[in-house]
Amino acid sequence: MSSIARKAKDFKQTIKIDEQLLKDKYFPAAIEKIKAIVSIPSYSGTKTKDAPYGQGVKQVLHYALDLAKSLGFKIYCDSNNKYGYVEYGQGQEIFAILGHLDVVPPGNLEEWKIPPFQPKIINDILYGRGVLDDKGPTIIVLYCLKYLKDHNYQPKRRIRLIFGLTEETTWDSIKTYMTKEGTPNFGFTPDGLFPLTYAEKGIINLDIVGAGNKKIKVNGGDAYNVTCSTCTTENINLDKFYQLAQTKGYRVEKQNQQIIIHGKSAHGSKPKDGINAGLRTLLILKALGYDHPLINFVSDVLQEDTALTKYFGQYDDESGSFTINVGIVIINENISKLGCNIRFPVHTKQEVILNKIKELLIPYHLTVEVKKYDKALYIPIDSPLVTALMGIYQTVTKDKTAKPIVIGGGTYARSMPNCVAFGAIFDDSISTEHQYNEAISLKDLWQAMLIYLQAIATLGSLNHV
């Protein structure tokens, strides 16, 4: 066992965590504040001068900062309301915990068992948009800091809990933080998987764009990194479309002069877990004889294949395979567009992926417009940061066989060097981020609190990380 891992193991002896007090006082308080902050619809909205990401996002930032201030912490708010943070301790070095308070849109409200912004506990599971991604874990971290503060913990460096506001969209918030505040020395984000994520695929948000069409009107999807779960079609033969959709077993409905195809939302990193209503709409249009470059491209190349193994299979590595999620589908008289979220293996260059996509589009006279690029993350598994956090995870959970992992998702960890994603999801197979009925069990939140408490105090006290 390394000296860092040993220090993690001996944490309870040096800090003396009162788990009963933590469970009776701090954990219930955190749950109530999670419910309160989740009730704020904080997805990207209309921009104003004092609310650059929308009023809901501004509101959630100030709620979090006011809460932290009421708990006795020093807070800071960017003058343009682009980010904020809580600071604890003193020193030259900064240990950052990167959380985010924005969420993806809720999608079709009828798919939720509870209203997404009226969080509720059912059978010890907390439901609501953001309970998992990432408001819940962020508030748990805040109450870990509160526990440490109440017990006179004195770190060797400043600890900052940073409230990001555009993790689900442009990342402008964390980029603004880095420009104004500088780069923290190290950190983690509670917005991934346990035991620890040491590598994340590269991400590209792009539009596949073509000419418009006066005879076809299609509109579906809300965001690049969420599978298009609902798609509306107009200006077509409604009866034939409806009949074919029913024959294929799709969820379809007529509404006034529109046809609506319903699919299933999923995180952009796991599009195979969803059902893409936008792609199904275009495939039906193709079967009915509609001729359009975007429709033809989907029919010939994309289909409903989220891996496109025929074209990108040779680039697989330890982080997995290429995936493409179509989150937005638009055809109208002015434009046609597929808004795509692409994840590609960590050891493959962005240019290779883009060049291949452009090559596939040439026969269809479609073009690519890159909207966002996030480079891949790769931190060696023998680094001090990974070693320390893995030691803490194994000590708390008693899982001595746990190994660091790689993911297709993208987290704030890639926004700065020497940073990893650390929880809060324990079982990726049942994770619900970006989905209807987003949820996390109280048991998992409690376990995460124990892990984060030890992680913060340990990393705050080590001589070198």
Protein backbone atom coordinates (compact mmCIF):
# COMPACT_ATOMS: atom_id res chain seq x y z
CA MET A 1 0.00 0.00 0.00
CA SER A 2 1.37 3.47 -0.93
CA SER A 3 1.92 6.14 1.73
CA ILE A 4 -0.94 8.15 0.21
CA ALA A 5 -3.34 5.22 0.33
CA ARG A 6 -2.21 4.50 3.90
CA LYS A 7 -3.02 8.07 4.92
CA ALA A 8 -6.46 7.64 3.42
CA LYS A 9 -6.93 4.45 5.42
CA ASP A 10 -5.86 6.16 8.66
CA PHE A 11 -8.16 9.14 8.08
CA LYS A 12 -10.76 8.22 10.70
CA GLN A 13 -8.06 7.98 13.36
CA THR A 14 -6.77 11.49 12.66
CA ILE A 15 -10.05 13.33 11.99
CA LYS A 16 -12.41 11.20 14.06
CA ILE A 17 -15.53 11.20 11.92
CA ASP A 18 -18.70 10.88 13.95
CA GLU A 19 -20.72 8.90 11.41
CA GLN A 20 -23.85 8.93 13.54
CA LEU A 21 -23.75 12.71 13.83
CA LEU A 22 -23.07 12.98 10.12
CA LYS A 23 -26.05 10.77 9.36
CA ASP A 24 -28.41 12.39 11.86
CA LYS A 25 -27.59 16.05 11.20
CA TYR A 26 -25.61 16.79 8.05
CA PHE A 27 -27.00 14.21 5.66
CA PRO A 28 -30.70 15.06 6.23
CA ALA A 29 -29.90 18.78 5.88
CA ALA A 30 -28.12 18.07 2.58
CA ILE A 31 -31.09 16.07 1.25
CA GLU A 32 -33.49 18.91 1.99
CA LYS A 33 -31.26 21.41 0.21
CA ILE A 34 -30.86 19.08 -2.76
CA LYS A 35 -34.64 19.01 -3.08
CA ALA A 36 -34.74 22.79 -2.88
CA ILE A 37 -32.07 23.41 -5.49
CA VAL A 38 -33.48 20.77 -7.85
CA SER A 39 -36.78 22.67 -7.81
CA ILE A 40 -35.07 25.46 -9.78
CA PRO A 41 -35.28 24.76 -13.54
CA SER A 42 -31.69 25.62 -14.43
CA TYR A 43 -31.27 24.67 -18.06
CA SER A 44 -30.01 27.08 -20.70
CA GLY A 45 -32.47 29.88 -21.39
CA THR A 46 -32.84 33.35 -22.87
CA LYS A 47 -29.72 35.38 -22.23
CA THR A 48 -29.71 38.83 -20.63
CA LYS A 49 -26.88 41.08 -19.52
CA ASP A 50 -26.99 39.92 -15.90
CA ALA A 51 -28.08 36.36 -16.72
CA PRO A 52 -25.75 35.21 -19.52
CA TYR A 53 -27.06 31.63 -19.42
CA GLY A 54 -30.71 32.36 -18.61
CA GLN A 55 -32.67 33.41 -15.52
CA GLY A 56 -33.02 29.90 -14.13
CA VAL A 57 -29.27 29.36 -14.23
CA LYS A 58 -28.65 32.72 -12.53
CA GLN A 59 -31.21 31.83 -9.88
CA VAL A 60 -29.60 28.49 -9.10
CA LEU A 61 -26.14 30.06 -8.80
CA HIS A 62 -27.34 32.58 -6.24
CA TYR A 63 -29.29 29.95 -4.35
CA ALA A 64 -26.12 27.86 -3.97
CA LEU A 65 -23.99 30.85 -2.99
CA ASP A 66 -26.56 32.10 -0.47
CA LEU A 67 -26.75 28.62 1.03
CA ALA A 68 -22.97 28.41 1.37
CA LYS A 69 -22.85 31.85 2.94
CA SER A 70 -25.53 30.86 5.45
CA LEU A 71 -23.35 27.88 6.39
CA GLY A 72 -20.52 30.25 7.25
CA PHE A 73 -18.35 29.99 4.14
CA LYS A 74 -16.51 32.62 2.17
CA ILE A 75 -18.12 32.92 -1.26
CA TYR A 76 -17.36 34.63 -4.54
CA CYS A 77 -19.66 35.47 -7.46
CA ASP A 78 -18.41 36.53 -10.85
CA SER A 79 -19.56 40.06 -11.70
CA ASN A 80 -21.28 38.74 -14.83
CA ASN A 81 -22.90 35.77 -13.03
CA LYS A 82 -20.88 33.30 -15.07
CA TYR A 83 -19.59 31.24 -12.14
CA GLY A 84 -19.24 31.24 -8.39
CA TYR A 85 -17.35 29.35 -5.74
CA VAL A 86 -17.05 28.52 -2.06
CA GLU A 87 -13.60 28.80 -0.50
CA TYR A 88 -12.33 27.18 2.67
CA GLY A 89 -8.85 27.30 4.16
CA GLN A 90 -5.70 29.21 3.30
CA GLY A 91 -2.54 28.71 1.30
CA GLN A 92 -1.04 29.24 -2.14
CA GLU A 93 -2.27 25.99 -3.66
CA ILE A 94 -5.87 25.45 -4.70
CA PHE A 95 -7.59 22.08 -4.47
CA ALA A 96 -10.68 22.38 -6.67
CA ILE A 97 -13.92 20.41 -6.59
CA LEU A 98 -15.76 21.10 -9.82
CA GLY A 99 -19.53 20.80 -9.64
CA HIS A 100 -22.17 22.11 -12.00
CA LEU A 101 -25.64 23.44 -11.34
CA ASP A 102 -27.06 23.50 -14.86
CA VAL A 103 -29.14 20.59 -16.10
CA VAL A 104 -30.40 19.26 -19.40
CA PRO A 105 -34.01 20.09 -20.35
CA PRO A 106 -36.64 17.71 -18.95
CA GLY A 107 -38.04 16.67 -22.33
CA ASN A 108 -41.57 15.30 -22.53
CA LEU A 109 -43.11 15.95 -19.11
CA GLU A 110 -45.60 13.13 -19.58
CA GLU A 111 -42.72 10.63 -19.38
CA TRP A 112 -41.92 11.61 -15.77
CA LYS A 113 -43.48 9.79 -12.82
CA ILE A 114 -43.14 13.03 -10.84
CA PRO A 115 -42.79 16.59 -12.16
CA PRO A 116 -39.03 16.92 -12.86
CA PHE A 117 -38.64 20.10 -10.84
CA GLN A 118 -40.73 18.94 -7.91
CA PRO A 119 -38.29 16.39 -6.42
CA LYS A 120 -39.71 13.58 -4.38
CA ILE A 121 -38.44 10.59 -2.42
CA ILE A 122 -40.17 7.32 -3.32
CA ASN A 123 -39.03 4.09 -1.64
CA ASP A 124 -35.76 5.73 -0.53
CA ILE A 125 -34.98 6.93 -4.05
CA LEU A 126 -34.81 10.65 -4.79
CA TYR A 127 -36.28 11.67 -8.15
CA GLY A 128 -35.90 14.93 -10.06
CA ARG A 129 -33.89 16.58 -12.82
CA GLY A 130 -30.42 17.16 -11.38
CA VAL A 131 -30.53 14.93 -8.32
CA LEU A 132 -27.72 12.91 -9.88
CA ASP A 133 -26.28 15.22 -12.53
CA ASP A 134 -24.94 17.20 -10.75
CA LYS A 135 -26.83 19.19 -8.11
CA GLY A 136 -27.17 16.29 -5.69
CA PRO A 137 -23.47 15.37 -5.47
CA THR A 138 -22.48 19.07 -5.41
CA ILE A 139 -24.65 19.79 -2.39
CA ILE A 140 -23.35 16.64 -0.68
CA VAL A 141 -19.81 18.01 -1.12
CA LEU A 142 -20.90 21.36 0.35
CA TYR A 143 -22.18 19.62 3.48
CA CYS A 144 -18.98 17.62 3.74
CA LEU A 145 -17.16 20.94 3.88
CA LYS A 146 -19.64 22.11 6.49
CA TYR A 147 -18.89 19.08 8.65
CA LEU A 148 -15.15 19.72 8.37
CA LYS A 149 -15.59 23.40 9.17
CA ASP A 150 -17.72 22.63 12.23
CA HIS A 151 -14.99 20.26 13.44
CA ASN A 152 -12.20 22.79 13.00
CA TYR A 153 -10.46 21.02 10.15
CA GLN A 154 -7.55 23.13 8.87
CA PRO A 155 -6.37 22.18 5.37
CA LYS A 156 -2.87 22.91 4.09
CA ARG A 157 -4.26 24.59 0.98
CA ARG A 158 -7.36 26.42 -0.14
CA ILE A 159 -10.31 24.20 -1.04
CA ARG A 160 -12.68 25.60 -3.64
CA LEU A 161 -16.07 24.16 -4.50
CA ILE A 162 -16.67 25.71 -7.92
CA PHE A 163 -20.21 26.13 -9.22
CA GLY A 164 -20.13 25.72 -12.99
CA LEU A 165 -23.17 26.73 -15.03
CA THR A 166 -22.74 25.46 -18.60
CA GLU A 167 -21.42 21.92 -18.29
CA GLU A 168 -24.36 20.64 -20.31
CA THR A 169 -23.84 23.17 -23.11
CA THR A 170 -20.83 25.32 -24.03
CA TRP A 171 -18.54 25.07 -20.98
CA ASP A 172 -18.24 28.85 -21.18
CA SER A 173 -18.67 29.04 -17.41
CA ILE A 174 -15.63 26.96 -16.46
CA LYS A 175 -13.60 28.50 -19.29
CA THR A 176 -14.38 31.93 -17.88
CA TYR A 177 -13.35 30.75 -14.43
CA MET A 178 -10.00 29.48 -15.73
CA THR A 179 -9.35 32.73 -17.60
CA LYS A 180 -10.12 34.95 -14.63
CA GLU A 181 -8.98 32.82 -11.69
CA GLY A 182 -6.21 30.69 -13.14
CA THR A 183 -5.79 26.93 -13.06
CA PRO A 184 -6.17 25.05 -9.76
CA ASN A 185 -3.32 22.76 -8.75
CA PHE A 186 -5.45 19.61 -8.75
CA GLY A 187 -8.96 18.44 -8.10
CA PHE A 188 -11.87 16.17 -8.84
CA THR A 189 -15.44 16.47 -10.05
CA PRO A 190 -18.33 14.57 -8.38
CA ASP A 191 -19.94 14.14 -11.78
CA GLY A 192 -18.82 10.75 -13.05
CA LEU A 193 -18.50 7.21 -11.79
CA PHE A 194 -17.01 5.46 -8.80
CA PRO A 195 -14.49 4.17 -8.15
CA LEU A 196 -12.69 6.75 -10.32
CA THR A 197 -12.45 7.75 -13.96
CA TYR A 198 -8.92 8.21 -15.26
CA ALA A 199 -9.75 8.52 -18.97
CA GLU A 200 -12.61 10.08 -20.92
CA LYS A 201 -13.24 9.98 -24.63
CA GLY A 202 -12.90 13.05 -26.83
CA ILE A 203 -16.16 14.84 -27.57
CA ILE A 204 -17.33 16.78 -30.61
CA ASN A 205 -20.65 18.58 -30.93
CA LEU A 206 -21.32 19.25 -34.58
CA ASP A 207 -24.10 20.03 -37.02
CA ILE A 208 -24.53 18.11 -40.25
CA VAL A 209 -26.10 20.79 -42.40
CA GLY A 210 -27.86 20.90 -45.75
CA ALA A 211 -30.42 22.86 -47.74
CA GLY A 212 -33.96 23.42 -46.57
CA ASN A 213 -37.12 22.00 -48.12
CA LYS A 214 -40.50 23.71 -48.40
CA LYS A 215 -42.41 20.43 -48.60
CA ILE A 216 -41.09 18.81 -45.41
CA LYS A 217 -41.16 20.11 -41.86
CA VAL A 218 -39.44 18.07 -39.12
CA ASN A 219 -38.49 19.25 -35.66
CA GLY A 220 -37.11 17.11 -32.84
CA GLY A 221 -34.77 17.11 -29.88
CA ASP A 222 -33.55 19.54 -27.23
CA ALA A 223 -29.78 19.15 -26.87
CA TYR A 224 -26.74 17.60 -28.54
CA ASN A 225 -25.92 15.26 -25.67
CA VAL A 226 -29.39 13.78 -25.19
CA THR A 227 -30.96 11.30 -27.59
CA CYS A 228 -33.77 12.89 -29.63
CA SER A 229 -36.75 11.41 -27.81
CA THR A 230 -39.63 13.27 -29.49
CA CYS A 231 -39.95 14.37 -33.11
CA THR A 232 -42.78 16.24 -34.84
CA THR A 233 -43.53 16.10 -38.57
CA GLU A 234 -45.81 18.33 -40.67
CA ASN A 235 -46.62 18.97 -44.35
CA ILE A 236 -46.76 15.24 -45.19
CA ASN A 237 -49.31 12.53 -45.81
CA LEU A 238 -50.26 12.03 -42.15
CA ASP A 239 -52.30 8.88 -42.64
CA LYS A 240 -49.59 6.97 -44.51
CA PHE A 241 -46.92 8.10 -42.06
CA TYR A 242 -49.07 7.06 -39.10
CA GLN A 243 -49.87 3.65 -40.55
CA LEU A 244 -46.25 2.84 -41.36
CA ALA A 245 -45.06 3.96 -37.93
CA GLN A 246 -47.67 1.73 -36.30
CA THR A 247 -46.66 -1.19 -38.50
CA LYS A 248 -43.08 -0.81 -37.31
CA GLY A 249 -44.24 -0.78 -33.69
CA TYR A 250 -43.20 2.81 -33.02
CA ARG A 251 -44.92 5.00 -30.45
CA VAL A 252 -46.77 7.48 -32.62
CA GLU A 253 -49.67 9.89 -32.28
CA LYS A 254 -51.65 12.34 -34.40
CA GLN A 255 -52.06 15.80 -32.97
CA ASN A 256 -53.91 18.39 -35.06
CA GLN A 257 -51.98 18.52 -38.34
CA GLN A 258 -48.86 16.90 -36.92
CA ILE A 259 -47.45 13.44 -36.39
CA ILE A 260 -45.36 12.88 -33.28
CA ILE A 261 -42.92 10.00 -32.91
CA HIS A 262 -41.90 9.17 -29.34
CA GLY A 263 -38.59 7.50 -28.52
CA LYS A 264 -36.55 7.21 -25.35
CA SER A 265 -34.01 9.71 -24.03
CA ALA A 266 -30.50 8.64 -23.08
CA HIS A 267 -27.19 10.32 -22.29
CA GLY A 268 -25.21 11.33 -25.36
CA SER A 269 -22.35 9.04 -24.33
CA LYS A 270 -24.69 6.02 -24.35
CA PRO A 271 -27.00 6.56 -27.32
CA LYS A 272 -27.65 2.83 -27.69
CA ASP A 273 -29.62 3.04 -24.43
CA GLY A 274 -32.11 5.39 -26.08
CA ILE A 275 -34.60 5.25 -28.93
CA ASN A 276 -34.04 8.02 -31.45
CA ALA A 277 -37.36 9.47 -32.54
CA GLY A 278 -35.67 11.85 -34.98
CA LEU A 279 -33.87 9.13 -36.90
CA ARG A 280 -37.00 6.99 -36.96
CA THR A 281 -38.94 9.91 -38.39
CA LEU A 282 -36.46 10.38 -41.24
CA LEU A 283 -36.36 6.65 -41.96
CA ILE A 284 -40.15 6.57 -42.28
CA LEU A 285 -40.05 9.55 -44.61
CA LYS A 286 -37.51 7.71 -46.77
CA ALA A 287 -39.72 4.61 -46.86
CA LEU A 288 -42.62 6.80 -48.01
CA GLY A 289 -40.57 8.07 -50.95
CA TYR A 290 -39.48 11.49 -49.70
CA ASP A 291 -36.21 12.50 -51.32
CA HIS A 292 -33.89 14.84 -49.42
CA PRO A 293 -30.10 14.74 -48.82
CA LEU A 294 -30.40 14.55 -45.04
CA ILE A 295 -33.03 11.82 -45.24
CA ASN A 296 -30.91 9.89 -47.73
CA PHE A 297 -27.80 10.15 -45.55
CA VAL A 298 -29.67 8.80 -42.54
CA SER A 299 -31.16 5.99 -44.59
CA ASP A 300 -27.89 4.99 -46.28
CA VAL A 301 -25.35 5.55 -43.48
CA LEU A 302 -26.68 6.30 -40.02
CA GLN A 303 -29.82 4.19 -39.82
CA GLU A 304 -30.14 3.73 -36.02
CA ASP A 305 -26.54 2.58 -35.66
CA THR A 306 -24.87 4.46 -32.79
CA ALA A 307 -21.38 3.00 -33.33
CA LEU A 308 -21.00 3.04 -37.13
CA THR A 309 -18.53 0.18 -36.74
CA LYS A 310 -18.23 -0.20 -40.52
CA TYR A 311 -16.63 3.23 -40.72
CA PHE A 312 -15.00 3.81 -37.31
CA GLY A 313 -14.40 0.36 -35.82
CA GLN A 314 -10.64 0.43 -36.41
CA TYR A 315 -10.19 3.25 -33.91
CA ASP A 316 -11.33 1.31 -30.81
CA ASP A 317 -8.98 1.37 -27.80
CA GLU A 318 -9.07 0.90 -24.00
CA SER A 319 -11.64 3.69 -23.72
CA GLY A 320 -14.09 1.98 -26.07
CA SER A 321 -15.47 2.72 -29.51
CA PHE A 322 -16.71 5.65 -31.55
CA THR A 323 -20.33 6.63 -30.86
CA ILE A 324 -22.66 9.16 -32.44
CA ASN A 325 -25.77 10.56 -30.80
CA VAL A 326 -28.26 12.54 -32.88
CA GLY A 327 -29.83 14.97 -30.43
CA ILE A 328 -31.45 17.49 -32.77
CA VAL A 329 -33.26 16.93 -36.08
CA ILE A 330 -34.55 19.84 -38.17
CA ILE A 331 -35.87 20.18 -41.70
CA ASN A 332 -37.74 23.29 -42.78
CA GLU A 333 -37.81 25.70 -45.70
CA ASN A 334 -34.59 27.37 -44.56
CA ILE A 335 -32.31 24.57 -43.39
CA SER A 336 -31.83 20.89 -42.68
CA LYS A 337 -29.70 19.82 -39.74
CA LEU A 338 -28.66 16.92 -37.54
CA GLY A 339 -27.23 18.13 -34.25
CA CYS A 340 -24.77 15.39 -33.24
CA ASN A 341 -22.75 14.53 -30.15
CA ILE A 342 -19.76 12.35 -31.02
CA ARG A 343 -17.53 10.46 -28.56
CA PHE A 344 -14.25 9.04 -29.85
CA PRO A 345 -11.43 6.96 -28.29
CA VAL A 346 -8.78 8.75 -26.24
CA HIS A 347 -5.88 7.79 -28.49
CA THR A 348 -7.54 8.96 -31.73
CA LYS A 349 -7.08 12.49 -33.05
CA GLN A 350 -10.06 14.79 -33.62
CA GLU A 351 -8.95 15.47 -37.21
CA VAL A 352 -9.15 11.79 -38.10
CA ILE A 353 -12.78 11.59 -36.99
CA LEU A 354 -13.83 14.83 -38.65
CA ASN A 355 -12.16 13.98 -41.95
CA LYS A 356 -13.92 10.62 -42.07
CA ILE A 357 -17.31 12.21 -41.39
CA LYS A 358 -16.75 14.85 -44.07
CA GLU A 359 -15.84 12.09 -46.50
CA LEU A 360 -19.10 10.26 -45.76
CA LEU A 361 -21.10 13.45 -46.39
CA ILE A 362 -19.63 14.32 -49.79
CA PRO A 363 -22.12 12.26 -51.88
CA TYR A 364 -25.03 13.97 -50.11
CA HIS A 365 -23.77 17.57 -50.47
CA LEU A 366 -23.94 18.00 -46.71
CA THR A 367 -21.41 19.93 -44.64
CA VAL A 368 -20.09 19.88 -41.09
CA GLU A 369 -20.13 22.77 -38.62
CA VAL A 370 -18.20 22.05 -35.43
CA LYS A 371 -19.89 23.65 -32.41
CA LYS A 372 -17.76 22.35 -29.57
CA TYR A 373 -14.70 20.19 -29.04
CA ASP A 374 -13.53 18.74 -25.73
CA LYS A 375 -10.19 16.99 -25.81
CA ALA A 376 -9.89 13.57 -24.27
CA LEU A 377 -8.80 13.13 -20.66
CA TYR A 378 -6.03 10.77 -19.65
CA ILE A 379 -4.43 10.68 -16.19
CA PRO A 380 -1.94 7.85 -15.49
CA ILE A 381 -3.36 5.35 -13.02
CA ASP A 382 -0.18 5.48 -10.93
CA SER A 383 -0.41 9.26 -10.41
CA PRO A 384 -0.56 10.52 -6.79
CA LEU A 385 -4.10 11.85 -7.33
CA VAL A 386 -5.47 8.56 -8.65
CA THR A 387 -3.61 6.57 -6.02
CA ALA A 388 -4.96 8.71 -3.18
CA LEU A 389 -8.58 8.66 -4.30
CA MET A 390 -8.55 4.95 -5.07
CA GLY A 391 -7.17 4.31 -1.59
CA ILE A 392 -9.99 6.35 -0.07
CA TYR A 393 -12.65 4.58 -2.12
CA GLN A 394 -11.35 1.14 -1.18
CA THR A 395 -11.12 2.09 2.50
CA VAL A 396 -14.68 3.37 2.74
CA THR A 397 -16.37 0.73 0.61
CA LYS A 398 -14.15 -2.20 1.64
CA ASP A 399 -13.93 -3.05 -2.07
CA LYS A 400 -10.26 -3.94 -2.42
CA THR A 401 -10.64 -5.17 -6.00
CA ALA A 402 -11.99 -1.88 -7.43
CA LYS A 403 -10.05 -0.49 -10.38
CA PRO A 404 -10.07 2.95 -12.02
CA ILE A 405 -12.12 3.06 -15.21
CA VAL A 406 -12.56 4.82 -18.54
CA ILE A 407 -15.83 6.33 -19.78
CA GLY A 408 -17.43 7.74 -22.87
CA GLY A 409 -18.99 10.58 -20.93
CA GLY A 410 -17.39 13.97 -20.57
CA THR A 411 -16.93 15.67 -17.22
CA TYR A 412 -15.45 18.91 -15.93
CA ALA A 413 -12.31 16.93 -15.10
CA ARG A 414 -11.06 17.54 -18.63
CA SER A 415 -11.27 21.32 -18.15
CA MET A 416 -8.04 21.39 -16.14
CA PRO A 417 -4.86 19.32 -15.73
CA ASN A 418 -4.46 16.88 -12.85
CA CYS A 419 -8.17 16.37 -12.34
CA VAL A 420 -10.37 13.26 -12.41
CA ALA A 421 -14.04 12.37 -12.14
CA PHE A 422 -14.78 10.73 -8.78
CA GLY A 423 -18.35 9.44 -8.35
CA ALA A 424 -21.14 9.90 -7.65
CA ILE A 425 -22.61 7.01 -9.66
CA PHE A 426 -21.85 3.56 -8.23
CA ASP A 427 -23.43 1.42 -10.93
CA ASP A 428 -23.22 2.67 -14.50
CA SER A 429 -25.74 0.08 -15.64
CA ILE A 430 -28.56 1.85 -13.79
CA SER A 431 -27.41 5.46 -14.08
CA THR A 432 -30.21 7.84 -15.05
CA GLU A 433 -28.51 11.12 -15.91
CA HIS A 434 -30.14 12.90 -18.88
CA GLN A 435 -33.03 10.44 -18.78
CA TYR A 436 -36.66 10.69 -17.77
CA ASN A 437 -37.14 9.98 -14.06
CA GLU A 438 -33.55 10.86 -13.18
CA ALA A 439 -32.92 9.40 -9.74
CA ILE A 440 -30.38 8.42 -7.12
CA SER A 441 -30.89 6.29 -4.03
CA LEU A 442 -30.44 7.77 -0.57
CA LYS A 443 -28.12 4.86 0.15
CA ASP A 444 -25.80 5.91 -2.67
CA LEU A 445 -25.87 9.55 -1.62
CA TRP A 446 -24.94 8.55 1.91
CA GLN A 447 -22.09 6.36 0.72
CA ALA A 448 -20.90 9.19 -1.51
CA MET A 449 -20.93 11.56 1.46
CA LEU A 450 -18.63 9.26 3.44
CA ILE A 451 -16.26 8.97 0.49
CA TYR A 452 -16.21 12.68 -0.32
CA LEU A 453 -15.67 13.66 3.29
CA GLN A 454 -12.57 11.53 3.50
CA ALA A 455 -11.37 12.60 0.06
CA ILE A 456 -11.62 16.30 0.81
CA ALA A 457 -9.85 16.08 4.14
CA THR A 458 -7.14 13.76 2.85
CA LEU A 459 -6.34 15.74 -0.30
CA GLY A 460 -6.57 18.96 1.68
CA SER A 461 -3.88 17.75 4.07
CA LEU A 462 -1.32 15.86 1.95
CA ASN A 463 2.05 17.57 1.49
CA HIS A 464 2.10 16.88 -2.25
CA VAL A 465 -0.52 15.76 -4.77
